[in-house]
Protein backbone atom coordinates (compact mmCIF):
# COMPACT_ATOMS: atom_id res chain seq x y z
CA MET A 1 0.00 0.00 0.00
CA GLN A 2 1.46 3.35 -1.08
CA LYS A 3 1.47 6.00 1.63
CA LYS A 4 0.53 9.47 0.40
CA VAL A 5 0.26 13.06 1.47
CA ILE A 6 -3.24 14.50 1.19
CA VAL A 7 -3.65 18.19 0.33
CA PHE A 8 -7.11 19.36 1.32
CA ASP A 9 -8.11 22.07 -1.14
CA PHE A 10 -9.88 25.17 0.18
CA GLY A 11 -9.84 26.85 -3.23
CA SER A 12 -6.38 28.42 -3.36
CA GLN A 13 -4.91 29.24 -6.76
CA TYR A 14 -1.71 27.59 -5.48
CA THR A 15 -3.15 24.22 -4.39
CA GLN A 16 -1.93 22.33 -7.45
CA LEU A 17 1.48 23.90 -6.96
CA ILE A 18 1.69 22.48 -3.42
CA ALA A 19 1.10 18.98 -4.80
CA ARG A 20 3.58 19.47 -7.61
CA ARG A 21 6.28 20.61 -5.17
CA ILE A 22 5.72 17.57 -2.96
CA ARG A 23 6.02 15.26 -5.94
CA GLU A 24 9.22 17.06 -6.95
CA LEU A 25 10.49 15.88 -3.56
CA GLU A 26 9.56 12.32 -4.66
CA VAL A 27 6.67 11.85 -2.25
CA TYR A 28 3.32 10.77 -3.65
CA CYS A 29 0.59 13.34 -3.08
CA GLU A 30 -3.08 13.76 -3.96
CA ILE A 31 -5.46 16.71 -3.80
CA LEU A 32 -8.94 16.34 -2.32
CA PRO A 33 -11.70 18.94 -1.83
CA PHE A 34 -11.73 20.07 1.81
CA ASN A 35 -15.12 18.37 2.33
CA LYS A 36 -14.17 14.97 0.83
CA PHE A 37 -12.39 12.98 3.52
CA PRO A 38 -11.05 9.60 2.31
CA GLU A 39 -12.61 6.45 3.70
CA ASN A 40 -9.30 4.59 3.93
CA THR A 41 -7.15 6.63 6.32
CA ASP A 42 -4.44 3.94 6.50
CA GLU A 43 -2.96 5.35 3.27
CA ILE A 44 -2.56 8.87 4.67
CA ALA A 45 1.02 9.73 5.63
CA ALA A 46 0.51 13.45 6.29
CA VAL A 47 -2.03 16.21 5.70
CA ILE A 48 -1.67 19.71 4.29
CA LEU A 49 -4.42 22.32 4.57
CA SER A 50 -4.22 24.71 1.60
CA GLY A 51 -4.80 28.41 1.28
CA SER A 52 -8.11 29.91 0.17
CA PRO A 53 -9.65 33.07 -1.32
CA PHE A 54 -12.07 33.03 1.65
CA SER A 55 -11.63 34.57 5.10
CA VAL A 56 -12.13 32.46 8.24
CA ARG A 57 -14.02 35.46 9.68
CA GLU A 58 -16.80 35.35 7.09
CA GLU A 59 -20.09 33.51 7.53
CA THR A 60 -19.39 31.82 4.19
CA ALA A 61 -16.00 30.53 5.39
CA LEU A 62 -15.32 26.90 4.49
CA LYS A 63 -15.87 24.76 7.57
CA TYR A 64 -13.58 21.86 8.41
CA GLU A 65 -13.47 19.29 11.21
CA LEU A 66 -9.89 19.66 12.44
CA SER A 67 -10.44 16.80 14.88
CA ARG A 68 -10.28 14.43 11.91
CA VAL A 69 -6.62 15.26 11.29
CA LEU A 70 -5.02 16.94 14.31
CA GLY A 71 -3.25 14.34 16.43
CA LYS A 72 -3.93 11.60 13.86
CA PHE A 73 -1.46 12.65 11.13
CA PRO A 74 1.37 15.15 10.80
CA VAL A 75 -0.36 18.37 9.69
CA LEU A 76 0.87 21.51 7.91
CA GLY A 77 -1.50 24.46 7.54
CA ILE A 78 -0.70 27.01 4.83
CA CYS A 79 -2.19 30.54 4.90
CA TYR A 80 -5.95 29.88 5.22
CA GLY A 81 -5.07 26.48 6.69
CA ALA A 82 -3.01 28.24 9.39
CA GLN A 83 -5.78 30.75 10.13
CA LEU A 84 -8.33 27.93 10.24
CA ILE A 85 -6.35 26.15 12.97
CA ALA A 86 -5.92 29.36 14.97
CA ASP A 87 -9.52 30.53 14.63
CA ASN A 88 -11.24 27.17 15.24
CA LEU A 89 -9.24 26.33 18.35
CA GLY A 90 -9.69 29.57 20.25
CA GLY A 91 -7.16 31.98 18.77
CA VAL A 92 -7.90 35.43 17.37
CA VAL A 93 -7.84 36.14 13.63
CA GLU A 94 -8.83 39.62 12.50
CA ALA A 95 -8.47 42.02 9.63
CA SER A 96 -5.59 44.38 10.20
CA ASN A 97 -3.67 47.26 8.72
CA SER A 98 -0.68 44.93 8.95
CA ARG A 99 -1.90 42.70 6.14
CA GLU A 100 0.82 41.62 3.73
CA TYR A 101 0.94 40.93 0.01
CA GLY A 102 4.22 40.05 -1.67
CA LYS A 103 7.69 39.46 -0.30
CA ALA A 104 8.52 39.56 3.41
CA SER A 105 11.54 38.68 5.55
CA LEU A 106 11.16 35.70 7.90
CA GLU A 107 12.41 36.25 11.44
CA MET A 108 12.69 32.92 13.26
CA SER A 109 12.40 32.81 17.06
CA THR A 110 13.94 29.34 17.35
CA ASN A 111 16.80 27.53 15.67
CA ASP A 112 16.40 24.14 17.36
CA ASP A 113 13.36 22.97 15.37
CA GLN A 114 13.92 20.46 12.56
CA PHE A 115 11.20 22.26 10.64
CA PHE A 116 13.69 25.10 10.12
CA LYS A 117 16.64 22.89 9.22
CA ASP A 118 18.94 24.75 6.78
CA ILE A 119 16.57 27.76 6.68
CA GLU A 120 18.34 31.09 6.95
CA ASN A 121 17.07 33.81 9.27
CA GLY A 122 15.81 36.66 7.10
CA SER A 123 14.87 34.31 4.25
CA THR A 124 12.42 35.86 1.78
CA VAL A 125 8.89 34.42 1.87
CA TRP A 126 5.75 35.19 -0.15
CA MET A 127 2.70 36.53 1.69
CA SER A 128 -0.83 36.77 0.31
CA HIS A 129 -3.37 37.38 3.06
CA GLY A 130 -5.77 40.02 4.33
CA ASP A 131 -6.24 38.64 7.86
CA THR A 132 -3.73 38.44 10.68
CA ILE A 133 -3.39 35.94 13.54
CA PHE A 134 -3.24 38.18 16.64
CA ARG A 135 -3.38 35.46 19.27
CA LEU A 136 -2.72 31.72 19.09
CA PRO A 137 -4.71 29.03 20.89
CA GLU A 138 -3.04 28.01 24.16
CA GLN A 139 -1.76 24.69 22.78
CA PHE A 140 0.30 26.46 20.08
CA GLU A 141 3.36 28.71 20.04
CA ALA A 142 4.79 31.12 17.49
CA ILE A 143 8.14 30.19 15.93
CA ALA A 144 8.54 33.00 13.37
CA LYS A 145 7.31 36.50 12.55
CA THR A 146 7.93 39.20 9.94
CA GLY A 147 8.35 42.94 10.25
CA SER A 148 4.60 43.38 9.86
CA ILE A 149 2.89 40.44 11.56
CA PRO A 150 3.53 38.71 14.91
CA VAL A 151 2.77 35.16 13.75
CA ALA A 152 4.28 34.04 10.43
CA ALA A 153 4.76 30.42 11.57
CA PHE A 154 3.62 28.41 14.57
CA ARG A 155 3.64 24.86 15.94
CA ALA A 156 1.79 22.75 18.47
CA LYS A 157 3.45 22.74 21.88
CA SER A 158 5.19 19.58 23.02
CA GLY A 159 2.64 16.99 24.14
CA ALA A 160 -0.39 18.85 22.79
CA TYR A 161 -0.99 16.25 20.05
CA GLU A 162 0.31 12.79 19.29
CA LYS A 163 1.40 13.93 15.83
CA PRO A 164 3.19 17.21 14.98
CA VAL A 165 1.23 20.26 13.79
CA TYR A 166 2.85 23.21 12.01
CA ALA A 167 1.38 26.21 10.23
CA LEU A 168 2.66 28.97 7.96
CA GLN A 169 1.06 32.31 7.19
CA PHE A 170 3.03 32.49 3.92
CA HIS A 171 3.17 30.28 0.81
CA PRO A 172 6.24 28.00 0.73
CA GLU A 173 5.11 26.41 -2.54
CA VAL A 174 5.66 29.49 -4.74
CA SER A 175 9.07 30.25 -6.20
CA HIS A 176 9.12 33.71 -4.56
CA SER A 177 9.60 31.98 -1.18
CA GLU A 178 13.35 31.46 -1.54
CA GLN A 179 13.63 28.40 0.74
CA GLY A 180 10.04 27.25 0.46
CA LEU A 181 10.94 23.90 -1.09
CA GLN A 182 13.38 23.29 1.76
CA LEU A 183 10.60 24.01 4.28
CA LEU A 184 8.29 21.52 2.57
CA SER A 185 11.14 19.01 2.50
CA ASN A 186 11.72 19.54 6.23
CA PHE A 187 8.05 18.97 6.98
CA LEU A 188 7.94 15.75 4.95
CA PHE A 189 11.21 14.15 6.00
CA GLU A 190 12.36 15.74 9.27
CA VAL A 191 8.97 16.36 10.94
CA ALA A 192 6.67 13.71 9.44
CA GLY A 193 9.43 11.13 8.95
CA LEU A 194 8.31 10.15 5.45
CA GLU A 195 10.37 8.33 2.84
CA LYS A 196 10.67 9.05 -0.85
CA ASN A 197 8.19 6.84 -2.68
CA TRP A 198 7.45 8.48 -6.02
CA SER A 199 9.44 8.90 -9.22
CA PRO A 200 8.74 8.34 -12.93
CA GLY A 201 10.29 4.89 -12.59
CA HIS A 202 8.08 4.01 -9.61
CA PHE A 203 5.03 5.26 -11.48
CA ILE A 204 5.76 3.26 -14.63
CA ALA A 205 6.42 0.01 -12.76
CA GLU A 206 3.25 0.27 -10.67
CA LYS A 207 1.04 1.51 -13.52
CA VAL A 208 2.21 -1.16 -15.98
CA GLU A 209 1.46 -3.89 -13.44
CA TRP A 210 -1.95 -2.34 -12.71
CA LEU A 211 -2.77 -2.09 -16.42
CA ARG A 212 -1.84 -5.73 -17.01
CA GLN A 213 -4.05 -6.91 -14.16
CA THR A 214 -6.94 -4.60 -15.04
CA LEU A 215 -6.98 -5.06 -18.80
CA ASN A 216 -5.89 -8.71 -18.81
CA ASN A 217 -5.96 -9.80 -22.48
CA ASP A 218 -8.68 -7.33 -23.52
CA GLN A 219 -8.36 -5.20 -26.64
CA VAL A 220 -8.00 -1.43 -26.06
CA VAL A 221 -8.53 1.44 -28.50
CA LEU A 222 -6.99 4.90 -28.16
CA GLY A 223 -7.32 8.04 -30.25
CA LEU A 224 -3.87 9.56 -30.85
CA SER A 225 -3.53 13.27 -31.49
CA GLY A 226 0.23 13.50 -31.92
CA GLY A 227 0.42 15.47 -28.67
CA VAL A 228 2.30 14.70 -25.47
CA ASP A 229 -0.52 13.29 -23.32
CA SER A 230 -2.00 10.82 -25.80
CA SER A 231 1.48 9.75 -26.92
CA VAL A 232 2.71 8.98 -23.38
CA ALA A 233 -0.55 7.19 -22.61
CA ALA A 234 -0.08 5.09 -25.74
CA PHE A 235 3.51 4.12 -24.95
CA LEU A 236 2.62 3.25 -21.35
CA LEU A 237 -0.24 1.03 -22.51
CA HIS A 238 1.97 -0.50 -25.21
CA LYS A 239 4.53 -1.42 -22.55
CA ALA A 240 1.77 -3.13 -20.56
CA ILE A 241 -0.32 -4.87 -23.26
CA GLY A 242 1.65 -4.63 -26.51
CA LYS A 243 -0.35 -5.30 -29.69
CA ASN A 244 -3.62 -5.43 -27.75
CA LEU A 245 -3.51 -1.63 -27.93
CA HIS A 246 -5.02 -0.26 -31.14
CA CYS A 247 -4.23 3.40 -31.82
CA ILE A 248 -6.21 5.50 -34.27
CA PHE A 249 -4.68 8.71 -35.63
CA ILE A 250 -7.23 10.77 -37.56
CA ASP A 251 -6.28 13.45 -40.07
CA ASN A 252 -9.00 16.09 -39.88
CA GLY A 253 -7.38 18.15 -42.63
CA LEU A 254 -6.59 20.85 -40.08
CA LEU A 255 -3.23 19.61 -38.83
CA ARG A 256 0.02 21.41 -39.56
CA LYS A 257 1.60 20.93 -42.98
CA ASP A 258 2.86 17.34 -43.45
CA GLU A 259 2.10 16.58 -39.79
CA PHE A 260 -0.13 13.57 -40.46
CA ARG A 261 2.55 11.70 -42.40
CA GLN A 262 5.42 12.74 -40.12
CA VAL A 263 3.68 11.80 -36.89
CA LEU A 264 2.36 8.53 -38.31
CA ASP A 265 5.85 7.57 -39.50
CA SER A 266 7.35 8.32 -36.09
CA TYR A 267 4.72 6.20 -34.29
CA HIS A 268 5.22 3.25 -36.64
CA GLY A 269 8.98 3.55 -36.28
CA LEU A 270 8.61 3.24 -32.49
CA GLY A 271 6.60 0.04 -32.69
CA LEU A 272 3.11 1.31 -31.90
CA ASN A 273 0.13 -0.40 -33.47
CA VAL A 274 -1.33 2.66 -35.22
CA LYS A 275 -3.84 3.10 -38.00
CA GLY A 276 -3.84 6.44 -39.83
CA VAL A 277 -7.21 7.62 -41.12
CA ASP A 278 -7.39 10.42 -43.68
CA ALA A 279 -10.81 11.95 -43.01
CA SER A 280 -9.88 15.47 -44.10
CA GLU A 281 -12.61 15.74 -46.72
CA ARG A 282 -15.30 14.74 -44.20
CA PHE A 283 -14.15 17.38 -41.71
CA LEU A 284 -13.85 20.12 -44.30
CA GLY A 285 -17.28 19.17 -45.61
CA ALA A 286 -18.76 19.44 -42.11
CA LEU A 287 -17.20 22.91 -41.78
CA GLU A 288 -18.43 24.24 -45.11
CA GLY A 289 -20.10 27.62 -44.60
CA VAL A 290 -19.52 27.57 -40.81
CA LYS A 291 -17.93 30.71 -39.38
CA ASP A 292 -19.01 30.80 -35.71
CA PRO A 293 -16.13 29.48 -33.52
CA GLU A 294 -18.33 27.39 -31.23
CA LYS A 295 -20.19 25.86 -34.20
CA LYS A 296 -16.81 24.98 -35.73
CA ARG A 297 -15.81 23.16 -32.55
CA LYS A 298 -19.09 21.26 -32.41
CA ALA A 299 -18.90 20.27 -36.07
CA ILE A 300 -15.36 18.98 -35.59
CA GLY A 301 -16.29 17.15 -32.37
CA LYS A 302 -19.29 15.42 -33.94
CA THR A 303 -17.31 14.40 -37.02
CA PHE A 304 -14.48 13.07 -34.88
CA ILE A 305 -16.89 10.91 -32.89
CA ARG A 306 -18.45 9.49 -36.06
CA VAL A 307 -15.08 8.69 -37.68
CA PHE A 308 -13.59 7.27 -34.49
CA GLU A 309 -16.71 5.17 -33.85
CA GLU A 310 -16.52 3.64 -37.33
CA GLU A 311 -12.83 2.79 -36.97
CA ALA A 312 -13.19 1.41 -33.44
CA LYS A 313 -16.07 -0.86 -34.41
CA ALA A 314 -13.89 -2.35 -37.15
CA ILE A 315 -11.56 -3.75 -34.46
CA SER A 316 -12.63 -7.10 -33.03
CA ASP A 317 -13.43 -7.53 -29.33
CA VAL A 318 -12.53 -4.04 -28.15
CA ARG A 319 -13.64 -3.55 -24.54
CA TRP A 320 -11.74 -0.45 -23.40
CA LEU A 321 -11.33 3.14 -24.56
CA ALA A 322 -8.04 4.67 -23.39
CA GLN A 323 -7.79 8.42 -22.88
CA GLY A 324 -4.91 10.79 -22.11
CA THR A 325 -6.69 12.54 -19.22
CA ILE A 326 -4.19 14.12 -16.80
CA TYR A 327 -4.48 15.07 -13.12
CA PRO A 328 -5.44 18.77 -13.50
CA ASP A 329 -8.50 17.64 -15.52
CA VAL A 330 -9.51 15.33 -12.66
CA ILE A 331 -8.96 18.00 -10.00
CA GLU A 332 -10.95 20.53 -11.99
CA SER A 333 -13.92 18.19 -12.23
CA VAL A 334 -14.18 17.93 -8.43
CA SER A 335 -13.15 21.49 -7.60
CA VAL A 336 -14.16 23.26 -4.41
CA HIS A 337 -16.06 25.64 -6.67
CA GLY A 338 -17.71 22.90 -8.74
CA PRO A 339 -16.93 21.56 -12.22
CA SER A 340 -15.21 23.93 -14.58
CA VAL A 341 -17.42 25.81 -16.98
CA THR A 342 -14.56 26.62 -19.33
CA ILE A 343 -14.08 23.19 -20.92
CA LYS A 344 -14.49 23.74 -24.64
CA SER A 345 -16.90 21.62 -26.59
CA HIS A 346 -14.25 19.96 -28.78
CA HIS A 347 -12.88 18.24 -25.67
CA ASN A 348 -16.26 16.84 -24.80
CA VAL A 349 -16.17 13.39 -26.40
CA GLY A 350 -17.86 11.78 -23.41
CA ALA A 351 -20.43 10.22 -25.72
CA LEU A 352 -17.82 7.85 -27.16
CA PRO A 353 -17.72 5.24 -24.35
CA LYS A 354 -21.53 5.05 -24.25
CA LYS A 355 -21.84 4.83 -28.03
CA LEU A 356 -19.18 2.14 -28.24
CA HIS A 357 -20.23 0.37 -25.01
CA LEU A 358 -16.66 0.60 -23.75
CA LYS A 359 -15.08 0.97 -20.34
CA ILE A 360 -12.60 3.83 -19.86
CA VAL A 361 -8.97 3.51 -18.82
CA GLU A 362 -6.97 6.68 -18.08
CA PRO A 363 -3.36 5.72 -17.27
CA LEU A 364 -2.16 9.32 -16.76
CA ASN A 365 -4.98 10.63 -14.59
CA SER A 366 -2.73 11.01 -11.55
CA LEU A 367 0.03 12.99 -13.33
CA PHE A 368 0.66 16.69 -13.81
CA LYS A 369 1.77 17.90 -17.25
CA ASP A 370 5.44 18.17 -16.30
CA GLU A 371 5.28 14.67 -14.81
CA VAL A 372 3.80 13.31 -18.05
CA ARG A 373 6.91 14.52 -19.86
CA ARG A 374 9.19 13.03 -17.16
CA VAL A 375 7.42 9.68 -17.52
CA GLY A 376 7.74 9.98 -21.29
CA ARG A 377 11.49 10.46 -20.99
CA GLU A 378 11.73 7.47 -18.67
CA LEU A 379 9.89 5.48 -21.38
CA GLN A 380 12.51 6.80 -23.86
CA ILE A 381 9.96 8.54 -26.05
CA PRO A 382 11.82 10.84 -28.49
CA ASP A 383 12.12 14.50 -27.55
CA ASP A 384 10.46 15.67 -30.76
CA ILE A 385 7.22 14.15 -29.42
CA LEU A 386 7.67 15.15 -25.76
CA THR A 387 8.64 18.75 -26.48
CA ARG A 388 6.00 19.37 -29.14
CA HIS A 389 4.06 22.57 -28.62
CA PRO A 390 0.43 22.27 -27.50
CA PHE A 391 -1.90 22.31 -30.50
CA PRO A 392 -5.66 22.95 -30.29
CA GLY A 393 -8.04 20.03 -30.74
CA PRO A 394 -9.91 21.75 -33.61
CA GLY A 395 -6.55 22.43 -35.23
CA LEU A 396 -6.27 25.24 -37.76
CA ALA A 397 -10.06 25.65 -37.81
CA ILE A 398 -9.76 28.09 -34.90
CA ARG A 399 -6.67 29.72 -36.38
CA ILE A 400 -8.54 30.56 -39.58
CA LEU A 401 -11.03 33.26 -38.70
CA GLY A 402 -14.40 33.09 -40.41
CA LYS A 403 -15.42 30.43 -42.91
CA ILE A 404 -13.09 27.53 -43.68
CA THR A 405 -12.08 26.86 -47.29
CA ARG A 406 -9.41 24.61 -48.76
CA LYS A 407 -7.54 27.68 -50.02
CA LYS A 408 -7.51 29.32 -46.57
CA VAL A 409 -6.36 26.07 -44.94
CA ASP A 410 -3.46 25.82 -47.41
CA LEU A 411 -2.47 29.46 -46.82
CA CYS A 412 -2.51 28.99 -43.06
CA LYS A 413 -0.50 25.76 -43.25
CA GLU A 414 2.19 27.37 -45.40
CA ALA A 415 2.51 30.44 -43.16
CA ASP A 416 2.55 28.28 -40.03
CA LYS A 417 5.30 26.06 -41.42
CA ILE A 418 7.53 29.02 -42.21
CA PHE A 419 6.96 30.44 -38.72
CA ILE A 420 7.65 27.16 -36.87
CA ASP A 421 10.66 26.31 -39.06
CA HIS A 422 12.27 29.67 -38.24
CA LEU A 423 11.61 29.18 -34.51
CA LYS A 424 13.32 25.79 -34.65
CA GLU A 425 16.28 27.00 -36.73
CA SER A 426 16.83 29.99 -34.42
CA GLY A 427 16.60 27.92 -31.23
CA TYR A 428 13.48 29.72 -30.00
CA TYR A 429 11.06 26.81 -30.45
CA HIS A 430 12.06 25.24 -27.12
CA LYS A 431 12.18 28.62 -25.36
CA VAL A 432 8.47 29.34 -25.86
CA TRP A 433 5.28 27.54 -24.85
CA GLN A 434 3.23 27.70 -28.03
CA ALA A 435 3.29 29.37 -31.43
CA GLY A 436 1.23 29.45 -34.58
CA ALA A 437 0.03 31.51 -37.53
CA ILE A 438 -3.49 32.97 -37.54
CA LEU A 439 -5.16 33.70 -40.89
CA LEU A 440 -7.40 36.71 -40.38
CA ASN A 441 -10.82 37.08 -41.94
CA ALA A 442 -9.69 40.33 -43.52
CA ARG A 443 -7.76 41.49 -46.53
CA SER A 444 -5.42 44.42 -46.86
CA VAL A 445 -4.14 46.54 -49.71
CA GLY A 446 -0.53 46.04 -50.70
CA VAL A 447 1.92 46.70 -53.51
CA MET A 448 4.02 43.89 -54.99
CA GLY A 449 6.17 45.01 -57.88
CA ASP A 450 4.11 47.56 -59.76
CA GLU A 451 0.83 45.87 -58.96
CA ARG A 452 -1.74 46.66 -56.31
CA THR A 453 -2.74 43.60 -54.25
CA TYR A 454 -5.69 42.87 -52.01
CA GLU A 455 -4.82 39.76 -50.02
CA TYR A 456 -5.01 38.07 -46.63
CA VAL A 457 -3.35 39.15 -43.37
CA VAL A 458 -1.51 36.70 -41.11
CA ALA A 459 -1.02 37.31 -37.38
CA LEU A 460 1.84 35.49 -35.65
CA ARG A 461 1.04 34.32 -32.12
CA CYS A 462 3.83 33.19 -29.79
CA VAL A 463 3.50 32.95 -26.00
CA ASN A 464 5.42 31.93 -22.89
CA SER A 465 3.59 30.07 -20.15
CA ASN A 466 4.00 27.36 -17.51
CA ASP A 467 0.61 25.72 -17.81
CA GLY A 468 -1.42 27.61 -20.42
CA MET A 469 -3.69 29.17 -17.76
CA THR A 470 -1.87 32.49 -18.07
CA ALA A 471 0.50 33.54 -20.82
CA ASP A 472 2.77 36.41 -21.86
CA TRP A 473 3.55 37.24 -25.46
CA SER A 474 7.05 36.14 -26.41
CA GLN A 475 9.52 38.91 -27.10
CA LEU A 476 11.09 37.44 -30.22
CA PRO A 477 14.02 39.35 -31.76
CA HIS A 478 12.97 41.91 -34.37
CA ASP A 479 15.38 40.53 -36.96
CA LEU A 480 13.82 37.07 -36.56
CA LEU A 481 10.31 38.47 -36.99
CA SER A 482 11.51 40.38 -40.03
CA LYS A 483 12.87 37.21 -41.66
CA ILE A 484 9.63 35.33 -40.96
CA SER A 485 7.48 38.13 -42.33
CA SER A 486 9.56 38.52 -45.49
CA GLU A 487 9.55 34.80 -46.25
CA ILE A 488 5.78 34.49 -45.74
CA ILE A 489 4.96 37.48 -47.95
CA ASN A 490 7.52 36.62 -50.65
CA ASN A 491 6.67 32.92 -50.88
CA ILE A 492 2.94 32.61 -50.24
CA LYS A 493 0.73 34.04 -52.93
CA GLY A 494 -2.41 35.28 -51.22
CA ILE A 495 -0.79 36.88 -48.16
CA ASN A 496 0.59 40.42 -48.29
CA ARG A 497 0.76 41.50 -44.64
CA VAL A 498 2.11 39.97 -41.40
CA VAL A 499 1.42 41.32 -37.89
CA TYR A 500 2.60 40.16 -34.45
CA ASP A 501 0.17 39.60 -31.55
CA ILE A 502 1.39 41.24 -28.31
CA SER A 503 -1.63 40.38 -26.13
CA THR A 504 -1.36 38.62 -22.76
CA LYS A 505 -3.68 35.99 -21.30
CA PRO A 506 -5.77 37.24 -19.60
CA PRO A 507 -7.50 39.26 -20.93
CA SER A 508 -6.86 37.68 -24.33
CA THR A 509 -6.74 33.94 -24.96
CA ILE A 510 -3.88 32.08 -26.59
CA GLU A 511 -5.99 31.06 -29.57
CA TRP A 512 -8.02 33.63 -31.48
CA GLU A 513 -11.24 31.59 -31.62
């Protein structure tokens, strides 16, 4: 039985980051909503109470039975979690003019606590709170402060609980807290006495064994996209069940130039059992005359389901549908604030299992995106697959504004290829998160030679991001942008103007539709 750290989520924007940091320290960790306590407590090695956008002083504050964890497991409260412990057990938490946002200097009042092992006095920490703990419950004592607040960290007094309890008013999980990772490490190993039990190698060994036992000799079908998640899922399943995995890679006519052939060749060369299906005419037919972005997504989604259903039914004795779902998708679906309302319709292929009467297997549903890549490297998947930029499910359909035509698809593919090729040649491809060419639904006047032209405009979009939730436009060198623009205009008949998108997300999105 694998012991794990449970992070109870009170809605903080940093909750996933806490879990990611713990896994970086090679300890297995899961996130649960604050009101979903696990039935099997034997698996719990330690508990972390996350931050929250709420105040413990409000009537709408999230209630939590601390008696379920205090004394039973090693506990670390972070920000709201710290205030929750103080407020619920008789301390005083109030709004104050001493509230802190941003960097602060930690002043420790003890140097004999293993929780502060290798932590420097004056270390920079990141605060984000509007309430202050003015008085602690009698069974706790302060162990650190800052220049603005009297309680930046506290612990349970000796003998107060059978298991240690610590709490921090700041966020150790964010990179702005200089020694935050060391603090988390101290809590896990020095205070809670845990052992390292998670790594890509551990994950692969356990997951392959689980897949073999679960799937037995059943046939499994998986829809490949050429992206990181579906590729790693495919290779993991292939390692477990070999040729019993049937991969389907569908060309919707909206992939990048030559991508269908290149990706298919790379999969075959790596031993995967993959069938390529050229359904480009069906997709383009379904999109004929459609210009509304949401209608485009729905048309593509419906066509994908029909094509995939036909191909899956042609495989004998298929009982499972494999999907590349990753952990953030799972967390989002059971969020403190309810299921996400931002999932776009092209991701909603939930009708497939019911239509095909298949059971679902999701081998990556406990991994974060960066962990998926680490597992992929452990599986020796080539870097050109693992480092591939994210690409939207509807493909170029949402990078071609307005109605989709074969001519506009070809123009967009050509411009995109020139853009991506230059990023790769210049070394910038691996320095940015995502890039692509957008064909605008507008034409501009130009002069080429002695002739007046009236042709399409291309916008180049290139962003830097960690997870795609927020993004900054990439500051590419002007000479590189100049080369890209010149080559697009000089070599693609039908485009006479190139612009560069310098919008951030939010308020803009990465894609234009």
